[in-house]
Amino acid sequence: MYGMRAQDKAPATHFRCDRLCRVNGALYFTTRECTLEGPFDNAAAAEKEIQAYIERMQVLCTSR
C-alpha cells in the first residue's frame, strides 16, 4: 500500500501483515509501536482487543 500515515514525512510503501502470532503457544498481536500485546484465549478475543487498541491510539494521536 503506497501512502502516508499521519507521522510519516513522505509517502512510502507500507506492507500489511497478519497482526496475530503465537509465542510459546500463546496468542498475541503486534503493533506498529513494536509492542506485543496479549496473551489472548482465542482469535476473537484478540481481534476485539486489536480494535480497542486502535481506538485508544487514535484518541491519543488526536489529543496531541
C-alpha atoms as a PDB file:
ATOM      1  CA  MET A   1       0.000   0.000   0.000  1.00  0.00           C
ATOM      2  CA  TYR A   2       1.507   3.323  -1.085  1.00  0.00           C
ATOM      3  CA  GLY A   3       0.553   6.304   1.024  1.00  0.00           C
ATOM      4  CA  MET A   4       1.226   8.368   4.100  1.00  0.00           C
ATOM      5  CA  ARG A   5       0.424   7.764   7.720  1.00  0.00           C
ATOM      6  CA  ALA A   6      -0.005  10.802   9.975  1.00  0.00           C
ATOM      7  CA  GLN A   7       3.525  10.502  11.394  1.00  0.00           C
ATOM      8  CA  ASP A   8       5.252   9.923   8.012  1.00  0.00           C
ATOM      9  CA  LYS A   9       7.277  12.734   6.477  1.00  0.00           C
ATOM     10  CA  ALA A  10       6.873  11.411   2.902  1.00  0.00           C
ATOM     11  CA  PRO A  11       4.752   8.808   1.078  1.00  0.00           C
ATOM     12  CA  ALA A  12       6.102   5.268   1.270  1.00  0.00           C
ATOM     13  CA  THR A  13       5.103   1.682   0.704  1.00  0.00           C
ATOM     14  CA  HIS A  14       3.601   0.010   3.771  1.00  0.00           C
ATOM     15  CA  PHE A  15       3.023  -3.717   3.892  1.00  0.00           C
ATOM     16  CA  ARG A  16       0.108  -5.096   5.855  1.00  0.00           C
ATOM     17  CA  CYS A  17       0.583  -8.370   7.677  1.00  0.00           C
ATOM     18  CA  ASP A  18      -1.322 -10.619   9.993  1.00  0.00           C
ATOM     19  CA  ARG A  19      -1.295  -8.981  13.415  1.00  0.00           C
ATOM     20  CA  LEU A  20      -1.831 -12.248  15.267  1.00  0.00           C
ATOM     21  CA  CYS A  21       1.033 -14.518  16.198  1.00  0.00           C
ATOM     22  CA  ARG A  22       1.765 -17.319  18.618  1.00  0.00           C
ATOM     23  CA  VAL A  23       4.626 -17.156  21.083  1.00  0.00           C
ATOM     24  CA  ASN A  24       5.252 -20.369  23.008  1.00  0.00           C
ATOM     25  CA  GLY A  25       1.699 -21.414  22.139  1.00  0.00           C
ATOM     26  CA  ALA A  26       0.073 -18.203  23.417  1.00  0.00           C
ATOM     27  CA  LEU A  27      -1.821 -15.834  21.084  1.00  0.00           C
ATOM     28  CA  TYR A  28      -0.614 -12.206  20.819  1.00  0.00           C
ATOM     29  CA  PHE A  29      -0.846  -9.292  18.423  1.00  0.00           C
ATOM     30  CA  THR A  30       1.904  -6.927  17.349  1.00  0.00           C
ATOM     31  CA  THR A  31       1.644  -3.158  16.975  1.00  0.00           C
ATOM     32  CA  ARG A  32       3.321  -0.506  14.834  1.00  0.00           C
ATOM     33  CA  GLU A  33       4.855   0.734  18.066  1.00  0.00           C
ATOM     34  CA  CYS A  34       6.717  -2.597  18.275  1.00  0.00           C
ATOM     35  CA  THR A  35       4.837  -3.931  21.272  1.00  0.00           C
ATOM     36  CA  LEU A  36       3.491  -7.437  21.735  1.00  0.00           C
ATOM     37  CA  GLU A  37       0.018  -7.391  23.314  1.00  0.00           C
ATOM     38  CA  GLY A  38      -1.580 -10.416  24.949  1.00  0.00           C
ATOM     39  CA  PRO A  39      -1.851 -13.271  25.624  1.00  0.00           C
ATOM     40  CA  PHE A  40      -5.416 -13.969  24.480  1.00  0.00           C
ATOM     41  CA  ASP A  41      -7.568 -17.073  24.860  1.00  0.00           C
ATOM     42  CA  ASN A  42      -8.682 -17.097  21.217  1.00  0.00           C
ATOM     43  CA  ALA A  43      -8.527 -15.162  17.953  1.00  0.00           C
ATOM     44  CA  ALA A  44     -11.909 -13.491  18.531  1.00  0.00           C
ATOM     45  CA  ALA A  45     -10.736 -12.028  21.857  1.00  0.00           C
ATOM     46  CA  ALA A  46      -7.513 -10.838  20.223  1.00  0.00           C
ATOM     47  CA  GLU A  47      -9.397  -9.208  17.319  1.00  0.00           C
ATOM     48  CA  LYS A  48     -11.667  -7.408  19.785  1.00  0.00           C
ATOM     49  CA  GLU A  49      -8.645  -6.084  21.678  1.00  0.00           C
ATOM     50  CA  ILE A  50      -6.937  -5.055  18.409  1.00  0.00           C
ATOM     51  CA  GLN A  51      -9.919  -2.823  17.633  1.00  0.00           C
ATOM     52  CA  ALA A  52      -9.888  -1.375  21.160  1.00  0.00           C
ATOM     53  CA  TYR A  53      -6.126  -0.729  20.874  1.00  0.00           C
ATOM     54  CA  ILE A  54      -6.582   1.089  17.546  1.00  0.00           C
ATOM     55  CA  GLU A  55      -9.314   3.260  19.041  1.00  0.00           C
ATOM     56  CA  ARG A  56      -7.124   4.143  22.052  1.00  0.00           C
ATOM     57  CA  MET A  57      -4.212   5.075  19.780  1.00  0.00           C
ATOM     58  CA  GLN A  58      -6.446   7.261  17.601  1.00  0.00           C
ATOM     59  CA  VAL A  59      -7.653   9.153  20.683  1.00  0.00           C
ATOM     60  CA  LEU A  60      -4.043   9.635  21.832  1.00  0.00           C
ATOM     61  CA  CYS A  61      -2.947  10.935  18.429  1.00  0.00           C
ATOM     62  CA  THR A  62      -5.827  13.379  18.078  1.00  0.00           C
ATOM     63  CA  SER A  63      -5.360  14.757  21.598  1.00  0.00           C
ATOM     64  CA  ARG A  64      -1.782  15.887  20.902  1.00  0.00           C
END
